[in-house]
PDB file of all heavy atoms in Angstrom:
ATOM      1  N   ALA A   1      52.083 -66.638  38.362  1.00  0.00           N
ATOM      2  CA  ALA A   1      53.314 -66.002  38.859  1.00  0.00           C
ATOM      3  C   ALA A   1      53.789 -66.701  40.097  1.00  0.00           C
ATOM      4  O   ALA A   1      53.023 -67.192  40.953  1.00  0.00           O
ATOM      5  CB  ALA A   1      53.029 -64.558  39.139  1.00  0.00           C
ATOM      6  N   ASP A   2      55.139 -66.678  40.334  1.00  0.00           N
ATOM      7  CA  ASP A   2      55.668 -67.263  41.524  1.00  0.00           C
ATOM      8  C   ASP A   2      56.245 -66.005  42.313  1.00  0.00           C
ATOM      9  O   ASP A   2      57.255 -65.582  41.939  1.00  0.00           O
ATOM     10  CB  ASP A   2      56.815 -68.149  41.175  1.00  0.00           C
ATOM     11  CG  ASP A   2      57.393 -68.822  42.454  1.00  0.00           C
ATOM     12  OD1 ASP A   2      57.392 -68.158  43.575  1.00  0.00           O
ATOM     13  OD2 ASP A   2      57.981 -69.870  42.336  1.00  0.00           O
ATOM     14  N   TYR A   3      55.474 -65.551  43.280  1.00  0.00           N
ATOM     15  CA  TYR A   3      55.831 -64.274  43.929  1.00  0.00           C
ATOM     16  C   TYR A   3      57.019 -64.463  44.839  1.00  0.00           C
ATOM     17  O   TYR A   3      57.759 -63.441  45.151  1.00  0.00           O
ATOM     18  CB  TYR A   3      54.644 -63.722  44.723  1.00  0.00           C
ATOM     19  CG  TYR A   3      53.507 -63.318  43.752  1.00  0.00           C
ATOM     20  CD1 TYR A   3      52.331 -64.269  43.495  1.00  0.00           C
ATOM     21  CD2 TYR A   3      53.583 -62.067  43.141  1.00  0.00           C
ATOM     22  CE1 TYR A   3      51.406 -63.835  42.605  1.00  0.00           C
ATOM     23  CE2 TYR A   3      52.595 -61.791  42.223  1.00  0.00           C
ATOM     24  CZ  TYR A   3      51.566 -62.675  42.019  1.00  0.00           C
ATOM     25  OH  TYR A   3      50.582 -62.287  41.127  1.00  0.00           O
ATOM     26  N   ARG A   4      57.383 -65.637  45.224  1.00  0.00           N
ATOM     27  CA  ARG A   4      58.667 -65.874  45.992  1.00  0.00           C
ATOM     28  C   ARG A   4      59.892 -65.671  45.091  1.00  0.00           C
ATOM     29  O   ARG A   4      61.018 -65.171  45.552  1.00  0.00           O
ATOM     30  CB  ARG A   4      58.635 -67.220  46.635  1.00  0.00           C
ATOM     31  CG  ARG A   4      57.515 -67.418  47.812  1.00  0.00           C
ATOM     32  CD  ARG A   4      57.542 -68.736  48.116  1.00  0.00           C
ATOM     33  NE  ARG A   4      57.254 -69.643  47.044  1.00  0.00           N
ATOM     34  CZ  ARG A   4      57.299 -71.044  47.159  1.00  0.00           C
ATOM     35  NH1 ARG A   4      57.700 -71.577  48.335  1.00  0.00           N
ATOM     36  NH2 ARG A   4      57.013 -71.738  46.244  1.00  0.00           N
ATOM     37  N   LYS A   5      59.750 -66.063  43.848  1.00  0.00           N
ATOM     38  CA  LYS A   5      60.952 -66.028  42.908  1.00  0.00           C
ATOM     39  C   LYS A   5      60.833 -64.878  41.979  1.00  0.00           C
ATOM     40  O   LYS A   5      61.785 -64.650  41.159  1.00  0.00           O
ATOM     41  CB  LYS A   5      60.977 -67.299  42.162  1.00  0.00           C
ATOM     42  CG  LYS A   5      61.226 -68.550  43.067  1.00  0.00           C
ATOM     43  CD  LYS A   5      61.344 -69.867  42.144  1.00  0.00           C
ATOM     44  CE  LYS A   5      61.609 -71.119  43.117  1.00  0.00           C
ATOM     45  NZ  LYS A   5      61.654 -72.315  42.259  1.00  0.00           N
ATOM     46  N   ASN A   6      59.814 -64.083  42.087  1.00  0.00           N
ATOM     47  CA  ASN A   6      59.658 -62.974  41.242  1.00  0.00           C
ATOM     48  C   ASN A   6      59.615 -63.319  39.638  1.00  0.00           C
ATOM     49  O   ASN A   6      60.363 -62.652  38.926  1.00  0.00           O
ATOM     50  CB  ASN A   6      60.713 -61.901  41.500  1.00  0.00           C
ATOM     51  CG  ASN A   6      60.584 -61.321  42.908  1.00  0.00           C
ATOM     52  OD1 ASN A   6      59.485 -61.116  43.425  1.00  0.00           O
ATOM     53  ND2 ASN A   6      61.758 -61.108  43.470  1.00  0.00           N
ATOM     54  N   ILE A   7      58.876 -64.273  39.362  1.00  0.00           N
ATOM     55  CA  ILE A   7      58.796 -64.855  37.992  1.00  0.00           C
ATOM     56  C   ILE A   7      57.420 -64.816  37.590  1.00  0.00           C
ATOM     57  O   ILE A   7      56.515 -65.384  38.368  1.00  0.00           O
ATOM     58  CB  ILE A   7      59.502 -66.158  37.843  1.00  0.00           C
ATOM     59  CG1 ILE A   7      60.984 -66.123  38.218  1.00  0.00           C
ATOM     60  CG2 ILE A   7      59.417 -66.666  36.339  1.00  0.00           C
ATOM     61  CD1 ILE A   7      61.672 -67.530  38.174  1.00  0.00           C
ATOM     62  N   MET A   8      57.158 -64.420  36.376  1.00  0.00           N
ATOM     63  CA  MET A   8      55.810 -64.588  35.795  1.00  0.00           C
ATOM     64  C   MET A   8      55.860 -65.662  34.654  1.00  0.00           C
ATOM     65  O   MET A   8      56.993 -65.713  34.067  1.00  0.00           O
ATOM     66  CB  MET A   8      55.321 -63.269  35.165  1.00  0.00           C
ATOM     67  CG  MET A   8      53.918 -63.402  34.422  1.00  0.00           C
ATOM     68  SD  MET A   8      53.299 -61.822  33.824  1.00  0.00           S
ATOM     69  CE  MET A   8      54.625 -61.443  32.548  1.00  0.00           C
ATOM     70  N   PHE A   9      54.950 -66.425  34.479  1.00  0.00           N
ATOM     71  CA  PHE A   9      54.921 -67.544  33.434  1.00  0.00           C
ATOM     72  C   PHE A   9      53.771 -67.415  32.453  1.00  0.00           C
ATOM     73  O   PHE A   9      52.787 -66.803  32.725  1.00  0.00           O
ATOM     74  CB  PHE A   9      54.751 -68.861  34.222  1.00  0.00           C
ATOM     75  CG  PHE A   9      55.828 -69.211  35.234  1.00  0.00           C
ATOM     76  CD1 PHE A   9      55.515 -69.090  36.529  1.00  0.00           C
ATOM     77  CD2 PHE A   9      56.977 -69.666  34.824  1.00  0.00           C
ATOM     78  CE1 PHE A   9      56.471 -69.250  37.513  1.00  0.00           C
ATOM     79  CE2 PHE A   9      57.963 -69.900  35.693  1.00  0.00           C
ATOM     80  CZ  PHE A   9      57.713 -69.766  37.067  1.00  0.00           C
ATOM     81  N   LEU A  10      54.010 -67.981  31.303  1.00  0.00           N
ATOM     82  CA  LEU A  10      52.902 -68.158  30.353  1.00  0.00           C
ATOM     83  C   LEU A  10      52.994 -69.582  29.884  1.00  0.00           C
ATOM     84  O   LEU A  10      53.952 -69.939  29.017  1.00  0.00           O
ATOM     85  CB  LEU A  10      52.950 -67.171  29.181  1.00  0.00           C
ATOM     86  CG  LEU A  10      51.758 -67.209  28.190  1.00  0.00           C
ATOM     87  CD1 LEU A  10      50.558 -66.727  28.904  1.00  0.00           C
ATOM     88  CD2 LEU A  10      52.051 -66.342  26.958  1.00  0.00           C
ATOM     89  N   GLU A  11      52.156 -70.380  30.281  1.00  0.00           N
ATOM     90  CA  GLU A  11      52.029 -71.797  29.788  1.00  0.00           C
ATOM     91  C   GLU A  11      51.169 -71.839  28.594  1.00  0.00           C
ATOM     92  O   GLU A  11      50.093 -71.443  28.527  1.00  0.00           O
ATOM     93  CB  GLU A  11      51.585 -72.802  30.865  1.00  0.00           C
ATOM     94  CG  GLU A  11      51.688 -74.187  30.438  1.00  0.00           C
ATOM     95  CD  GLU A  11      51.412 -75.215  31.489  1.00  0.00           C
ATOM     96  OE1 GLU A  11      50.678 -74.736  32.503  1.00  0.00           O
ATOM     97  OE2 GLU A  11      51.714 -76.339  31.412  1.00  0.00           O
ATOM     98  N   MET A  12      51.753 -72.385  27.428  1.00  0.00           N
ATOM     99  CA  MET A  12      51.103 -72.417  26.150  1.00  0.00           C
ATOM    100  C   MET A  12      50.854 -73.775  25.659  1.00  0.00           C
ATOM    101  O   MET A  12      51.933 -74.575  25.516  1.00  0.00           O
ATOM    102  CB  MET A  12      51.925 -71.516  25.172  1.00  0.00           C
ATOM    103  CG  MET A  12      52.258 -70.101  25.616  1.00  0.00           C
ATOM    104  SD  MET A  12      53.055 -69.173  24.364  1.00  0.00           S
ATOM    105  CE  MET A  12      54.619 -70.031  24.355  1.00  0.00           C
ATOM    106  N   LEU A  13      49.586 -74.121  25.648  1.00  0.00           N
ATOM    107  CA  LEU A  13      49.222 -75.552  25.191  1.00  0.00           C
ATOM    108  C   LEU A  13      48.559 -75.478  23.783  1.00  0.00           C
ATOM    109  O   LEU A  13      48.023 -74.421  23.467  1.00  0.00           O
ATOM    110  CB  LEU A  13      48.228 -76.136  26.191  1.00  0.00           C
ATOM    111  CG  LEU A  13      48.694 -76.153  27.737  1.00  0.00           C
ATOM    112  CD1 LEU A  13      47.648 -76.783  28.508  1.00  0.00           C
ATOM    113  CD2 LEU A  13      50.094 -76.838  27.875  1.00  0.00           C
ATOM    114  N   ASN A  14      48.670 -76.565  23.272  1.00  0.00           N
ATOM    115  CA  ASN A  14      47.986 -76.723  21.833  1.00  0.00           C
ATOM    116  C   ASN A  14      48.347 -75.596  20.939  1.00  0.00           C
ATOM    117  O   ASN A  14      47.406 -74.830  20.358  1.00  0.00           O
ATOM    118  CB  ASN A  14      46.459 -76.792  21.972  1.00  0.00           C
ATOM    119  CG  ASN A  14      45.830 -77.212  20.750  1.00  0.00           C
ATOM    120  OD1 ASN A  14      46.288 -77.772  19.779  1.00  0.00           O
ATOM    121  ND2 ASN A  14      44.451 -76.861  20.673  1.00  0.00           N
ATOM    122  N   LEU A  15      49.715 -75.391  20.794  1.00  0.00           N
ATOM    123  CA  LEU A  15      50.109 -74.182  19.954  1.00  0.00           C
ATOM    124  C   LEU A  15      49.775 -74.429  18.542  1.00  0.00           C
ATOM    125  O   LEU A  15      49.741 -75.535  17.989  1.00  0.00           O
ATOM    126  CB  LEU A  15      51.572 -73.990  20.126  1.00  0.00           C
ATOM    127  CG  LEU A  15      51.983 -73.342  21.485  1.00  0.00           C
ATOM    128  CD1 LEU A  15      53.372 -73.656  21.817  1.00  0.00           C
ATOM    129  CD2 LEU A  15      51.788 -71.835  21.451  1.00  0.00           C
ATOM    130  N   LYS A  16      49.436 -73.333  17.887  1.00  0.00           N
ATOM    131  CA  LYS A  16      49.125 -73.279  16.522  1.00  0.00           C
ATOM    132  C   LYS A  16      50.210 -72.448  15.686  1.00  0.00           C
ATOM    133  O   LYS A  16      50.760 -71.540  16.260  1.00  0.00           O
ATOM    134  CB  LYS A  16      47.756 -72.751  16.308  1.00  0.00           C
ATOM    135  CG  LYS A  16      46.767 -73.354  17.108  1.00  0.00           C
ATOM    136  CD  LYS A  16      45.328 -72.647  16.912  1.00  0.00           C
ATOM    137  CE  LYS A  16      44.327 -73.281  17.833  1.00  0.00           C
ATOM    138  NZ  LYS A  16      42.987 -72.482  17.807  1.00  0.00           N
ATOM    139  N   PRO A  17      50.309 -72.695  14.431  1.00  0.00           N
ATOM    140  CA  PRO A  17      51.211 -71.816  13.647  1.00  0.00           C
ATOM    141  C   PRO A  17      50.925 -70.365  13.772  1.00  0.00           C
ATOM    142  O   PRO A  17      51.972 -69.564  13.774  1.00  0.00           O
ATOM    143  CB  PRO A  17      51.053 -72.247  12.213  1.00  0.00           C
ATOM    144  CG  PRO A  17      50.639 -73.794  12.351  1.00  0.00           C
ATOM    145  CD  PRO A  17      49.757 -73.774  13.658  1.00  0.00           C
ATOM    146  N   GLU A  18      49.675 -69.847  13.901  1.00  0.00           N
ATOM    147  CA  GLU A  18      49.412 -68.541  14.088  1.00  0.00           C
ATOM    148  C   GLU A  18      49.875 -67.967  15.426  1.00  0.00           C
ATOM    149  O   GLU A  18      49.788 -66.735  15.609  1.00  0.00           O
ATOM    150  CB  GLU A  18      47.946 -68.243  13.782  1.00  0.00           C
ATOM    151  CG  GLU A  18      46.930 -69.156  14.699  1.00  0.00           C
ATOM    152  CD  GLU A  18      46.453 -70.380  13.873  1.00  0.00           C
ATOM    153  OE1 GLU A  18      47.385 -71.045  13.146  1.00  0.00           O
ATOM    154  OE2 GLU A  18      45.313 -70.711  14.088  1.00  0.00           O
ATOM    155  N   ASP A  19      50.308 -68.826  16.302  1.00  0.00           N
ATOM    156  CA  ASP A  19      50.827 -68.250  17.627  1.00  0.00           C
ATOM    157  C   ASP A  19      52.399 -67.938  17.457  1.00  0.00           C
ATOM    158  O   ASP A  19      52.951 -67.368  18.336  1.00  0.00           O
ATOM    159  CB  ASP A  19      50.769 -69.402  18.608  1.00  0.00           C
ATOM    160  CG  ASP A  19      49.370 -69.676  19.058  1.00  0.00           C
ATOM    161  OD1 ASP A  19      48.514 -68.737  19.199  1.00  0.00           O
ATOM    162  OD2 ASP A  19      49.038 -70.864  19.199  1.00  0.00           O
ATOM    163  N   THR A  20      52.870 -68.115  16.228  1.00  0.00           N
ATOM    164  CA  THR A  20      54.317 -67.768  15.963  1.00  0.00           C
ATOM    165  C   THR A  20      54.400 -66.215  16.151  1.00  0.00           C
ATOM    166  O   THR A  20      53.755 -65.495  15.521  1.00  0.00           O
ATOM    167  CB  THR A  20      54.713 -68.131  14.620  1.00  0.00           C
ATOM    168  OG1 THR A  20      54.707 -69.573  14.568  1.00  0.00           O
ATOM    169  CG2 THR A  20      56.044 -67.640  14.257  1.00  0.00           C
ATOM    170  N   ALA A  21      55.391 -65.930  17.021  1.00  0.00           N
ATOM    171  CA  ALA A  21      55.603 -64.383  17.278  1.00  0.00           C
ATOM    172  C   ALA A  21      56.678 -64.211  18.207  1.00  0.00           C
ATOM    173  O   ALA A  21      57.192 -65.232  18.809  1.00  0.00           O
ATOM    174  CB  ALA A  21      54.284 -63.809  17.963  1.00  0.00           C
ATOM    175  N   VAL A  22      57.148 -63.001  18.455  1.00  0.00           N
ATOM    176  CA  VAL A  22      57.993 -62.618  19.571  1.00  0.00           C
ATOM    177  C   VAL A  22      57.057 -62.274  20.709  1.00  0.00           C
ATOM    178  O   VAL A  22      56.276 -61.436  20.620  1.00  0.00           O
ATOM    179  CB  VAL A  22      58.992 -61.505  19.197  1.00  0.00           C
ATOM    180  CG1 VAL A  22      59.809 -61.172  20.393  1.00  0.00           C
ATOM    181  CG2 VAL A  22      59.794 -61.933  18.024  1.00  0.00           C
ATOM    182  N   TYR A  23      57.372 -62.904  21.943  1.00  0.00           N
ATOM    183  CA  TYR A  23      56.583 -62.749  23.059  1.00  0.00           C
ATOM    184  C   TYR A  23      57.379 -61.869  24.127  1.00  0.00           C
ATOM    185  O   TYR A  23      58.517 -62.010  24.265  1.00  0.00           O
ATOM    186  CB  TYR A  23      56.204 -64.028  23.692  1.00  0.00           C
ATOM    187  CG  TYR A  23      55.154 -64.806  22.981  1.00  0.00           C
ATOM    188  CD1 TYR A  23      55.406 -65.401  21.744  1.00  0.00           C
ATOM    189  CD2 TYR A  23      53.829 -64.920  23.484  1.00  0.00           C
ATOM    190  CE1 TYR A  23      54.398 -65.959  20.985  1.00  0.00           C
ATOM    191  CE2 TYR A  23      52.866 -65.502  22.759  1.00  0.00           C
ATOM    192  CZ  TYR A  23      53.146 -66.191  21.554  1.00  0.00           C
ATOM    193  OH  TYR A  23      52.163 -66.758  20.822  1.00  0.00           O
ATOM    194  N   TYR A  24      56.585 -60.881  24.603  1.00  0.00           N
ATOM    195  CA  TYR A  24      57.179 -59.842  25.504  1.00  0.00           C
ATOM    196  C   TYR A  24      56.417 -59.829  26.817  1.00  0.00           C
ATOM    197  O   TYR A  24      55.131 -59.861  26.990  1.00  0.00           O
ATOM    198  CB  TYR A  24      57.013 -58.568  24.914  1.00  0.00           C
ATOM    199  CG  TYR A  24      57.741 -58.292  23.603  1.00  0.00           C
ATOM    200  CD1 TYR A  24      57.117 -58.515  22.336  1.00  0.00           C
ATOM    201  CD2 TYR A  24      59.026 -57.821  23.595  1.00  0.00           C
ATOM    202  CE1 TYR A  24      57.773 -58.319  21.165  1.00  0.00           C
ATOM    203  CE2 TYR A  24      59.714 -57.500  22.379  1.00  0.00           C
ATOM    204  CZ  TYR A  24      59.098 -57.792  21.224  1.00  0.00           C
ATOM    205  OH  TYR A  24      59.655 -57.599  19.980  1.00  0.00           O
ATOM    206  N   CYS A  25      57.154 -59.745  27.911  1.00  0.00           N
ATOM    207  CA  CYS A  25      56.527 -59.461  29.186  1.00  0.00           C
ATOM    208  C   CYS A  25      56.522 -57.878  29.459  1.00  0.00           C
ATOM    209  O   CYS A  25      57.387 -57.198  29.020  1.00  0.00           O
ATOM    210  CB  CYS A  25      57.008 -60.174  30.324  1.00  0.00           C
ATOM    211  SG  CYS A  25      58.803 -60.022  30.792  1.00  0.00           S
ATOM    212  N   ASN A  26      55.585 -57.553  30.207  1.00  0.00           N
ATOM    213  CA  ASN A  26      55.381 -56.089  30.407  1.00  0.00           C
ATOM    214  C   ASN A  26      54.886 -55.796  31.815  1.00  0.00           C
ATOM    215  O   ASN A  26      54.046 -56.539  32.295  1.00  0.00           O
ATOM    216  CB  ASN A  26      54.377 -55.595  29.334  1.00  0.00           C
ATOM    217  CG  ASN A  26      53.805 -54.209  29.655  1.00  0.00           C
ATOM    218  OD1 ASN A  26      52.960 -53.977  30.463  1.00  0.00           O
ATOM    219  ND2 ASN A  26      54.405 -53.252  28.916  1.00  0.00           N
ATOM    220  N   ALA A  27      55.292 -54.679  32.303  1.00  0.00           N
ATOM    221  CA  ALA A  27      54.788 -54.289  33.752  1.00  0.00           C
ATOM    222  C   ALA A  27      54.913 -52.742  33.851  1.00  0.00           C
ATOM    223  O   ALA A  27      55.868 -52.192  33.169  1.00  0.00           O
ATOM    224  CB  ALA A  27      55.614 -55.016  34.801  1.00  0.00           C
ATOM    225  N   ILE A  28      54.194 -52.091  34.701  1.00  0.00           N
ATOM    226  CA  ILE A  28      54.235 -50.721  34.923  1.00  0.00           C
ATOM    227  C   ILE A  28      54.386 -50.573  36.368  1.00  0.00           C
ATOM    228  O   ILE A  28      53.799 -51.129  37.228  1.00  0.00           O
ATOM    229  CB  ILE A  28      52.871 -50.102  34.466  1.00  0.00           C
ATOM    230  CG1 ILE A  28      52.654 -50.188  32.982  1.00  0.00           C
ATOM    231  CG2 ILE A  28      52.920 -48.590  34.905  1.00  0.00           C
ATOM    232  CD1 ILE A  28      51.341 -49.643  32.558  1.00  0.00           C
ATOM    233  N   LEU A  29      55.439 -49.651  36.723  1.00  0.00           N
ATOM    234  CA  LEU A  29      55.795 -49.392  38.127  1.00  0.00           C
ATOM    235  C   LEU A  29      55.957 -47.914  38.293  1.00  0.00           C
ATOM    236  O   LEU A  29      56.787 -47.227  37.515  1.00  0.00           O
ATOM    237  CB  LEU A  29      57.058 -50.025  38.415  1.00  0.00           C
ATOM    238  CG  LEU A  29      57.598 -49.894  39.870  1.00  0.00           C
ATOM    239  CD1 LEU A  29      56.550 -50.321  40.845  1.00  0.00           C
ATOM    240  CD2 LEU A  29      58.989 -50.406  40.110  1.00  0.00           C
ATOM    241  N   ARG A  30      55.134 -47.345  39.011  1.00  0.00           N
ATOM    242  CA  ARG A  30      55.086 -45.917  39.348  1.00  0.00           C
ATOM    243  C   ARG A  30      54.986 -45.089  37.972  1.00  0.00           C
ATOM    244  O   ARG A  30      55.713 -43.957  37.817  1.00  0.00           O
ATOM    245  CB  ARG A  30      56.283 -45.502  40.219  1.00  0.00           C
ATOM    246  CG  ARG A  30      56.259 -46.042  41.569  1.00  0.00           C
ATOM    247  CD  ARG A  30      57.418 -45.469  42.414  1.00  0.00           C
ATOM    248  NE  ARG A  30      58.625 -46.091  42.234  1.00  0.00           N
ATOM    249  CZ  ARG A  30      59.126 -47.127  42.709  1.00  0.00           C
ATOM    250  NH1 ARG A  30      58.320 -47.741  43.653  1.00  0.00           N
ATOM    251  NH2 ARG A  30      60.245 -47.616  42.472  1.00  0.00           N
ATOM    252  N   GLY A  31      54.120 -45.501  37.151  1.00  0.00           N
ATOM    253  CA  GLY A  31      53.882 -44.845  35.865  1.00  0.00           C
ATOM    254  C   GLY A  31      54.888 -45.030  34.806  1.00  0.00           C
ATOM    255  O   GLY A  31      54.759 -44.500  33.656  1.00  0.00           O
ATOM    256  N   VAL A  32      55.902 -45.869  35.103  1.00  0.00           N
ATOM    257  CA  VAL A  32      56.811 -46.154  34.006  1.00  0.00           C
ATOM    258  C   VAL A  32      56.566 -47.546  33.531  1.00  0.00           C
ATOM    259  O   VAL A  32      56.441 -48.493  34.289  1.00  0.00           O
ATOM    260  CB  VAL A  32      58.335 -46.066  34.564  1.00  0.00           C
ATOM    261  CG1 VAL A  32      59.326 -46.391  33.532  1.00  0.00           C
ATOM    262  CG2 VAL A  32      58.553 -44.610  35.053  1.00  0.00           C
ATOM    263  N   GLU A  33      56.459 -47.713  32.200  1.00  0.00           N
ATOM    264  CA  GLU A  33      56.267 -49.038  31.565  1.00  0.00           C
ATOM    265  C   GLU A  33      57.619 -49.719  31.202  1.00  0.00           C
ATOM    266  O   GLU A  33      58.512 -49.132  30.612  1.00  0.00           O
ATOM    267  CB  GLU A  33      55.415 -48.900  30.262  1.00  0.00           C
ATOM    268  CG  GLU A  33      54.950 -50.105  29.673  1.00  0.00           C
ATOM    269  CD  GLU A  33      53.943 -49.922  28.581  1.00  0.00           C
ATOM    270  OE1 GLU A  33      54.081 -48.826  27.868  1.00  0.00           O
ATOM    271  OE2 GLU A  33      52.984 -50.684  28.535  1.00  0.00           O
ATOM    272  N   TYR A  34      57.704 -51.005  31.646  1.00  0.00           N
ATOM    273  CA  TYR A  34      58.820 -51.729  31.351  1.00  0.00           C
ATOM    274  C   TYR A  34      58.538 -52.833  30.479  1.00  0.00           C
ATOM    275  O   TYR A  34      57.434 -53.504  30.553  1.00  0.00           O
ATOM    276  CB  TYR A  34      59.508 -52.225  32.709  1.00  0.00           C
ATOM    277  CG  TYR A  34      59.980 -51.112  33.573  1.00  0.00           C
ATOM    278  CD1 TYR A  34      59.108 -50.638  34.509  1.00  0.00           C
ATOM    279  CD2 TYR A  34      61.192 -50.608  33.415  1.00  0.00           C
ATOM    280  CE1 TYR A  34      59.507 -49.557  35.415  1.00  0.00           C
ATOM    281  CE2 TYR A  34      61.714 -49.518  34.173  1.00  0.00           C
ATOM    282  CZ  TYR A  34      60.762 -48.978  35.086  1.00  0.00           C
ATOM    283  OH  TYR A  34      61.212 -48.022  36.013  1.00  0.00           O
ATOM    284  N   TRP A  35      59.457 -53.195  29.531  1.00  0.00           N
ATOM    285  CA  TRP A  35      59.332 -54.364  28.641  1.00  0.00           C
ATOM    286  C   TRP A  35      60.586 -55.321  28.768  1.00  0.00           C
ATOM    287  O   TRP A  35      61.731 -54.739  28.938  1.00  0.00           O
ATOM    288  CB  TRP A  35      59.265 -53.834  27.186  1.00  0.00           C
ATOM    289  CG  TRP A  35      58.042 -53.101  26.895  1.00  0.00           C
ATOM    290  CD1 TRP A  35      57.788 -51.851  27.038  1.00  0.00           C
ATOM    291  CD2 TRP A  35      56.791 -53.660  26.384  1.00  0.00           C
ATOM    292  NE1 TRP A  35      56.533 -51.402  26.599  1.00  0.00           N
ATOM    293  CE2 TRP A  35      55.957 -52.486  26.120  1.00  0.00           C
ATOM    294  CE3 TRP A  35      56.355 -54.922  26.079  1.00  0.00           C
ATOM    295  CZ2 TRP A  35      54.541 -52.669  25.731  1.00  0.00           C
ATOM    296  CZ3 TRP A  35      55.037 -55.077  25.617  1.00  0.00           C
ATOM    297  CH2 TRP A  35      54.172 -54.009  25.372  1.00  0.00           C
ATOM    298  N   GLY A  36      60.337 -56.511  28.534  1.00  0.00           N
ATOM    299  CA  GLY A  36      61.370 -57.432  28.338  1.00  0.00           C
ATOM    300  C   GLY A  36      61.981 -57.382  26.906  1.00  0.00           C
ATOM    301  O   GLY A  36      61.366 -56.586  26.171  1.00  0.00           O
ATOM    302  N   GLN A  37      63.025 -58.047  26.643  1.00  0.00           N
ATOM    303  CA  GLN A  37      63.616 -57.872  25.386  1.00  0.00           C
ATOM    304  C   GLN A  37      62.886 -58.780  24.315  1.00  0.00           C
ATOM    305  O   GLN A  37      63.143 -58.563  23.064  1.00  0.00           O
ATOM    306  CB  GLN A  37      65.147 -58.464  25.439  1.00  0.00           C
ATOM    307  CG  GLN A  37      65.350 -59.910  25.426  1.00  0.00           C
ATOM    308  CD  GLN A  37      64.962 -60.634  26.680  1.00  0.00           C
ATOM    309  OE1 GLN A  37      64.607 -60.092  27.642  1.00  0.00           O
ATOM    310  NE2 GLN A  37      65.155 -62.021  26.695  1.00  0.00           N
ATOM    311  N   GLY A  38      62.018 -59.618  24.721  1.00  0.00           N
ATOM    312  CA  GLY A  38      61.286 -60.401  23.834  1.00  0.00           C
ATOM    313  C   GLY A  38      61.899 -61.798  23.577  1.00  0.00           C
ATOM    314  O   GLY A  38      63.187 -61.933  23.569  1.00  0.00           O
TER     315      GLY A  38
END
């Protein structure tokens, strides 16, 4: 995460066909769960 820019990252190396998917980021704030659009 880059806390100055408010961005979280996922670096993915040596990707495999089984990694094919929609990826979502997620966070909880004051008991409420938030999701990205994927």
